[in-house]
Amino acid sequence: MPKVYITGRIPNIGVNLLKSNGFSVEQNTSSSNLTKDQLKDIFSKFDGVLTLMTDKVDRDVIKSSSKNLKVIANYAVGFDNIDVLEAKRHNIVVTNTPGVASESVAEHTFTLILACAKKIIEADKYVRLGRYQGWDPMAFISPQIWGKTIGIVGLGKIGTFVAQIAHGGFRMNILYYDPSRSEDFELLTEAKYCDLETLLANSDIVTLHCPLNDKTRHLIGKRELKKMKNSAILINTSRGPVIDEDALIWALKSGEIAACGLDVFEHEPNIAQELLVLNNVILTPHSASATKETRESMSRIAAENIIAVFEGKEPFGLVKAS
């Protein structure tokens, strides 16, 4: 009976699926992340490990693996927390849960856009503090989203869904920057393909949907922030290190950009103190994909990936080392 360890709490659909397919399952049911030593111990004893994106599965952890470890199934779309090349050297399959979070992250992205533009958090505090004494025609005046220009950095599934909401729901003009041009996408949304500098200079809202890698780390730094409009809003629901957080804090404090919505952080779970006190920032706890539907799909797919590997099949979420 293959032994699988699940490093954190996930919906039971995946756990039950593994058990019903003959796997012995152990699970970390606490809310605490496992330490590196704990991960090394687990990797040395189990045939499969279902990891969370908060687990740093580096070279040392993978080197501790037993010869029986066949698969690392990441409970996430991204997999930058895993040394995929080192796993390949040890003949360990790495999988993820592709495609399941696109709609929920797109929804969350627009939630942040609207909350930033409409000053929702400030207005809520204003009312709760008893400062609302009647309608004020000059209070909380905000820009209209309808018809504005949105710049989408990264045209994967999430970026595509964001564009569809922008085009169909708010009649926004769309600029996009991606390694590959999509003429079909342009026909559907009237989007325009451009370089990053053009996008930053002409967008009222810039939203990031690119993976984290050597090319995208600090993709948005002081130089890029200077190119943005002073009235612009920056949104990040991708990965924290895509933005140079020190440069972002400077831009927010100096008025180089108007506001920012962050679901991810450069050094998470640690968040810079300056971000916590600025009024022109809205922060959420890496929860963009946290819908019931998405989390259950992630659990199911992660389990199905493990089952496929042990059945000698190619898993749906196979991550290929590059």
Protein backbone atom coordinates (compact mmCIF):
# COMPACT_ATOMS: atom_id res chain seq x y z
CA MET A 1 0.00 0.00 0.00
CA PRO A 2 1.68 3.27 -1.12
CA LYS A 3 2.08 5.85 1.62
CA VAL A 4 1.20 9.50 0.93
CA TYR A 5 1.76 12.46 3.23
CA ILE A 6 -0.31 15.65 2.91
CA THR A 7 1.55 18.62 4.37
CA GLY A 8 -1.49 20.70 5.32
CA ARG A 9 -5.25 20.94 5.55
CA ILE A 10 -7.10 20.57 2.24
CA PRO A 11 -10.72 19.70 1.38
CA ASN A 12 -11.53 16.06 2.11
CA ILE A 13 -12.42 15.23 -1.50
CA GLY A 14 -8.75 14.60 -2.33
CA VAL A 15 -8.00 12.76 0.90
CA ASN A 16 -10.97 10.44 0.46
CA LEU A 17 -10.08 9.84 -3.19
CA LEU A 18 -6.60 8.67 -2.24
CA LYS A 19 -7.92 6.41 0.51
CA SER A 20 -10.56 4.87 -1.75
CA ASN A 21 -7.83 4.04 -4.27
CA GLY A 22 -5.82 2.07 -1.74
CA PHE A 23 -3.37 4.69 -0.47
CA SER A 24 -2.33 5.01 3.15
CA VAL A 25 -2.66 8.71 3.98
CA GLU A 26 -1.14 10.77 6.78
CA GLN A 27 -1.75 14.48 7.08
CA ASN A 28 -0.58 17.56 8.93
CA THR A 29 -3.88 18.83 10.35
CA SER A 30 -2.42 21.79 12.25
CA SER A 31 -2.42 25.33 10.89
CA SER A 32 1.37 25.53 11.21
CA ASN A 33 3.72 25.17 8.26
CA LEU A 34 6.18 22.30 8.42
CA THR A 35 9.84 23.08 9.06
CA LYS A 36 12.59 22.09 6.66
CA ASP A 37 13.68 19.27 8.98
CA GLN A 38 10.10 17.99 9.17
CA LEU A 39 9.85 18.03 5.37
CA LYS A 40 13.13 16.13 5.04
CA ASP A 41 11.88 13.50 7.45
CA ILE A 42 8.61 13.13 5.51
CA PHE A 43 10.39 12.91 2.16
CA SER A 44 12.60 10.15 3.53
CA LYS A 45 9.66 7.97 4.56
CA PHE A 46 6.81 8.35 2.06
CA ASP A 47 6.07 7.20 -1.49
CA GLY A 48 4.26 10.40 -2.40
CA VAL A 49 3.96 13.88 -0.86
CA LEU A 50 1.15 16.33 -1.48
CA THR A 51 2.70 19.73 -0.78
CA LEU A 52 1.34 23.22 -0.27
CA MET A 53 2.81 26.27 -1.99
CA THR A 54 4.20 27.38 1.39
CA ASP A 55 6.44 24.30 1.54
CA LYS A 56 9.92 25.16 0.30
CA VAL A 57 10.95 21.93 -1.40
CA ASP A 58 14.53 22.80 -2.21
CA ARG A 59 17.53 20.66 -3.19
CA ASP A 60 18.25 19.61 0.39
CA VAL A 61 14.70 18.41 0.97
CA ILE A 62 14.64 16.46 -2.29
CA LYS A 63 18.05 14.91 -1.60
CA SER A 64 16.60 13.47 1.61
CA SER A 65 13.96 11.55 -0.39
CA SER A 66 13.72 7.81 -0.13
CA LYS A 67 14.22 5.74 -3.28
CA ASN A 68 10.50 4.96 -3.13
CA LEU A 69 9.33 8.58 -3.46
CA LYS A 70 7.65 8.83 -6.86
CA VAL A 71 5.69 12.08 -6.85
CA ILE A 72 5.49 15.56 -5.37
CA ALA A 73 1.95 16.81 -6.00
CA ASN A 74 1.79 20.56 -5.42
CA TYR A 75 -1.56 21.88 -4.22
CA ALA A 76 -1.22 25.02 -6.34
CA VAL A 77 -1.10 26.27 -9.89
CA GLY A 78 2.39 27.67 -9.40
CA PHE A 79 5.37 25.48 -8.55
CA ASP A 80 8.17 27.97 -7.85
CA ASN A 81 8.41 26.51 -4.33
CA ILE A 82 9.82 23.24 -5.74
CA ASP A 83 13.25 22.58 -7.26
CA VAL A 84 11.85 20.80 -10.30
CA LEU A 85 15.26 20.09 -11.85
CA GLU A 86 16.52 18.43 -8.67
CA ALA A 87 13.34 16.34 -8.52
CA LYS A 88 13.95 15.22 -12.11
CA ARG A 89 17.50 14.15 -11.19
CA HIS A 90 15.97 11.88 -8.57
CA ASN A 91 13.31 10.56 -10.98
CA ILE A 92 10.55 12.18 -8.94
CA VAL A 93 7.49 13.45 -10.83
CA VAL A 94 6.30 16.96 -9.95
CA THR A 95 2.68 17.95 -10.57
CA ASN A 96 0.49 21.00 -10.07
CA THR A 97 -3.20 21.87 -10.43
CA PRO A 98 -3.37 23.89 -13.65
CA GLY A 99 -6.35 25.90 -14.79
CA VAL A 100 -8.55 25.47 -11.73
CA ALA A 101 -8.03 28.91 -10.18
CA SER A 102 -8.43 31.11 -13.25
CA GLU A 103 -11.98 32.30 -12.68
CA SER A 104 -11.61 32.83 -8.93
CA VAL A 105 -8.34 34.78 -9.26
CA ALA A 106 -9.86 36.91 -12.03
CA GLU A 107 -12.83 37.67 -9.77
CA HIS A 108 -10.50 38.60 -6.91
CA THR A 109 -8.44 40.78 -9.21
CA PHE A 110 -11.49 42.84 -10.11
CA THR A 111 -12.52 42.97 -6.47
CA LEU A 112 -9.19 44.64 -5.71
CA ILE A 113 -9.48 46.94 -8.71
CA LEU A 114 -12.91 48.20 -7.66
CA ALA A 115 -11.99 48.41 -3.96
CA CYS A 116 -8.92 50.51 -4.77
CA ALA A 117 -10.64 52.75 -7.30
CA LYS A 118 -13.77 53.32 -5.22
CA LYS A 119 -11.91 53.71 -1.89
CA ILE A 120 -14.16 51.05 -0.37
CA ILE A 121 -12.02 50.32 2.69
CA GLU A 122 -11.63 54.01 3.56
CA ALA A 123 -15.35 54.62 3.11
CA ASP A 124 -16.25 51.64 5.30
CA LYS A 125 -13.97 52.88 8.12
CA TYR A 126 -15.42 56.38 7.74
CA VAL A 127 -18.92 55.08 8.37
CA ARG A 128 -17.93 52.74 11.23
CA LEU A 129 -16.10 55.54 13.04
CA GLY A 130 -19.32 57.59 13.09
CA ARG A 131 -17.99 60.28 10.78
CA TYR A 132 -20.85 59.95 8.29
CA GLN A 133 -23.26 62.80 9.09
CA GLY A 134 -25.09 63.03 5.78
CA TRP A 135 -24.50 63.04 2.08
CA ASP A 136 -21.44 65.04 1.03
CA PRO A 137 -21.18 65.71 -2.72
CA MET A 138 -17.38 66.02 -2.46
CA ALA A 139 -16.65 62.97 -0.31
CA PHE A 140 -14.93 59.85 -1.67
CA ILE A 141 -14.91 60.99 -5.27
CA SER A 142 -13.34 58.22 -7.33
CA PRO A 143 -12.47 57.55 -10.97
CA GLN A 144 -14.96 55.75 -13.15
CA ILE A 145 -13.75 52.32 -14.28
CA TRP A 146 -16.04 52.18 -17.30
CA GLY A 147 -14.11 52.94 -20.46
CA LYS A 148 -10.69 53.24 -18.83
CA THR A 149 -7.57 51.41 -20.04
CA ILE A 150 -6.40 48.24 -18.31
CA GLY A 151 -2.92 46.81 -18.88
CA ILE A 152 -2.62 43.06 -18.43
CA VAL A 153 0.88 41.68 -17.85
CA GLY A 154 0.79 37.97 -18.63
CA LEU A 155 -1.89 36.48 -20.86
CA GLY A 156 -2.43 33.06 -19.38
CA LYS A 157 -5.88 31.84 -18.44
CA ILE A 158 -6.20 34.27 -15.54
CA GLY A 159 -5.15 37.27 -17.63
CA THR A 160 -7.58 36.19 -20.32
CA PHE A 161 -10.49 35.98 -17.86
CA VAL A 162 -9.60 39.40 -16.43
CA ALA A 163 -9.68 40.81 -19.96
CA GLN A 164 -13.08 39.26 -20.63
CA ILE A 165 -14.50 40.85 -17.48
CA ALA A 166 -12.93 44.20 -18.41
CA HIS A 167 -14.19 44.10 -21.98
CA GLY A 168 -17.63 42.62 -21.46
CA GLY A 169 -18.45 44.16 -18.10
CA PHE A 170 -16.82 47.57 -18.15
CA ARG A 171 -16.11 48.28 -21.83
CA MET A 172 -12.47 48.91 -20.94
CA ASN A 173 -9.69 49.38 -23.44
CA ILE A 174 -7.20 46.53 -23.11
CA LEU A 175 -3.44 46.55 -23.53
CA TYR A 176 -1.50 43.35 -22.92
CA TYR A 177 2.11 42.29 -22.66
CA ASP A 178 3.15 38.65 -22.95
CA PRO A 179 5.98 36.65 -24.56
CA SER A 180 3.46 35.45 -27.15
CA ARG A 181 0.91 37.44 -29.11
CA SER A 182 -2.65 36.11 -29.42
CA GLU A 183 -4.56 37.41 -32.42
CA ASP A 184 -7.65 35.39 -31.47
CA PHE A 185 -7.67 37.11 -28.08
CA GLU A 186 -7.36 40.47 -29.77
CA LEU A 187 -10.36 39.76 -31.98
CA LEU A 188 -12.50 38.76 -29.00
CA THR A 189 -11.62 41.66 -26.72
CA GLU A 190 -10.31 44.37 -29.09
CA ALA A 191 -7.07 44.21 -27.09
CA LYS A 192 -3.79 45.68 -28.31
CA TYR A 193 -0.46 43.90 -27.98
CA CYS A 194 2.42 46.12 -26.83
CA ASP A 195 5.70 46.17 -24.96
CA LEU A 196 5.81 46.61 -21.19
CA GLU A 197 6.87 50.26 -21.30
CA THR A 198 3.97 51.23 -23.56
CA LEU A 199 1.54 49.33 -21.36
CA LEU A 200 2.76 50.99 -18.17
CA ALA A 201 2.69 54.49 -19.65
CA ASN A 202 -0.84 54.24 -21.05
CA SER A 203 -2.80 52.14 -18.54
CA ASP A 204 -5.08 53.44 -15.82
CA ILE A 205 -4.90 50.03 -14.16
CA VAL A 206 -1.99 47.59 -14.39
CA THR A 207 -2.63 44.02 -13.28
CA LEU A 208 0.02 41.29 -13.04
CA HIS A 209 -0.65 37.68 -14.04
CA CYS A 210 2.76 36.24 -14.86
CA PRO A 211 4.59 33.31 -13.28
CA LEU A 212 7.61 33.90 -11.05
CA ASN A 213 10.91 33.06 -12.69
CA ASP A 214 14.31 34.65 -13.28
CA LYS A 215 12.87 36.95 -15.97
CA THR A 216 9.88 38.17 -13.97
CA ARG A 217 11.49 38.63 -10.54
CA HIS A 218 11.32 42.40 -9.85
CA LEU A 219 9.71 42.90 -13.25
CA ILE A 220 8.11 45.97 -11.69
CA GLY A 221 10.71 48.15 -9.99
CA LYS A 222 11.33 51.85 -9.52
CA ARG A 223 12.04 52.42 -13.21
CA GLU A 224 8.75 50.79 -14.24
CA LEU A 225 6.73 52.53 -11.54
CA LYS A 226 8.03 55.89 -12.74
CA LYS A 227 6.60 55.16 -16.18
CA MET A 228 3.08 54.65 -14.81
CA LYS A 229 0.49 57.40 -14.54
CA ASN A 230 0.28 59.15 -11.17
CA SER A 231 -3.41 58.24 -11.19
CA ALA A 232 -2.76 54.55 -11.95
CA ILE A 233 -3.68 51.54 -9.83
CA LEU A 234 -1.38 48.52 -9.62
CA ILE A 235 -2.77 45.04 -8.83
CA ASN A 236 -0.78 41.90 -8.05
CA THR A 237 -2.46 38.51 -7.67
CA SER A 238 0.42 36.54 -9.21
CA ARG A 239 3.56 36.19 -7.06
CA GLY A 240 4.95 38.74 -4.62
CA PRO A 241 8.55 38.99 -5.91
CA VAL A 242 7.31 40.11 -9.34
CA ILE A 243 7.25 43.56 -7.68
CA ASP A 244 10.21 45.17 -5.94
CA GLU A 245 8.39 45.96 -2.71
CA ASP A 246 10.79 48.70 -1.59
CA ALA A 247 10.21 50.50 -4.89
CA LEU A 248 6.46 50.02 -4.53
CA ILE A 249 6.45 51.59 -1.08
CA TRP A 250 8.38 54.55 -2.47
CA ALA A 251 5.88 54.94 -5.31
CA LEU A 252 2.86 54.81 -3.00
CA LYS A 253 4.34 57.26 -0.50
CA SER A 254 5.52 59.74 -3.13
CA GLY A 255 2.30 59.68 -5.18
CA GLU A 256 4.06 58.14 -8.16
CA ILE A 257 1.01 55.86 -8.43
CA ALA A 258 -2.40 56.33 -6.85
CA ALA A 259 -3.09 52.97 -5.22
CA CYS A 260 -2.24 49.31 -5.12
CA GLY A 261 -4.06 46.06 -4.40
CA LEU A 262 -1.91 43.15 -3.24
CA ASP A 263 -2.85 39.54 -2.64
CA VAL A 264 0.80 38.44 -2.61
CA PHE A 265 3.95 39.82 -1.04
CA GLU A 266 7.65 39.72 -1.76
CA HIS A 267 8.60 38.14 1.56
CA GLU A 268 5.34 36.52 2.58
CA PRO A 269 4.05 35.75 5.07
CA ASN A 270 6.07 38.75 6.29
CA ILE A 271 4.64 42.06 5.12
CA ALA A 272 6.52 45.34 5.17
CA GLN A 273 5.28 47.60 7.98
CA GLU A 274 4.92 50.52 5.57
CA LEU A 275 2.34 48.62 3.52
CA LEU A 276 0.28 47.96 6.65
CA VAL A 277 -0.14 51.66 7.45
CA LEU A 278 -0.59 53.21 4.00
CA ASN A 279 -4.19 54.19 3.17
CA ASN A 280 -3.74 53.73 -0.58
CA VAL A 281 -3.05 49.99 -0.32
CA ILE A 282 -5.52 47.12 0.00
CA LEU A 283 -4.06 43.86 1.26
CA THR A 284 -5.51 40.35 1.17
CA PRO A 285 -3.82 37.18 2.53
CA HIS A 286 -2.94 35.30 -0.68
CA SER A 287 -6.58 34.30 -0.92
CA ALA A 288 -7.42 35.06 -4.55
CA SER A 289 -8.13 31.41 -5.35
CA ALA A 290 -10.02 30.78 -2.11
CA THR A 291 -13.40 29.75 -3.45
CA LYS A 292 -15.07 26.52 -2.44
CA GLU A 293 -15.17 25.36 -6.04
CA THR A 294 -11.50 26.06 -6.70
CA ARG A 295 -10.16 24.57 -3.47
CA GLU A 296 -12.15 21.35 -3.97
CA SER A 297 -10.96 21.08 -7.57
CA MET A 298 -7.36 21.57 -6.46
CA SER A 299 -7.74 18.83 -3.87
CA ARG A 300 -9.24 16.42 -6.38
CA ILE A 301 -6.68 17.12 -9.11
CA ALA A 302 -3.72 16.83 -6.74
CA ALA A 303 -5.00 13.41 -5.63
CA GLU A 304 -5.70 12.32 -9.21
CA ASN A 305 -2.16 13.32 -10.15
CA ILE A 306 -0.74 11.04 -7.46
CA ILE A 307 -2.99 8.16 -8.49
CA ALA A 308 -2.00 8.56 -12.15
CA VAL A 309 1.71 8.38 -11.32
CA PHE A 310 1.29 5.15 -9.38
CA GLU A 311 -0.79 3.71 -12.21
CA GLY A 312 2.00 4.48 -14.67
CA LYS A 313 -0.01 7.17 -16.46
CA GLU A 314 0.92 10.75 -17.27
CA PRO A 315 -0.77 13.02 -14.71
CA PHE A 316 -2.97 15.90 -15.84
CA GLY A 317 -0.81 18.40 -13.95
CA LEU A 318 2.62 17.17 -15.03
CA VAL A 319 5.30 19.83 -14.53
CA LYS A 320 8.09 19.50 -17.06
CA ALA A 321 11.60 20.50 -16.03
CA SER A 322 13.09 23.13 -18.33
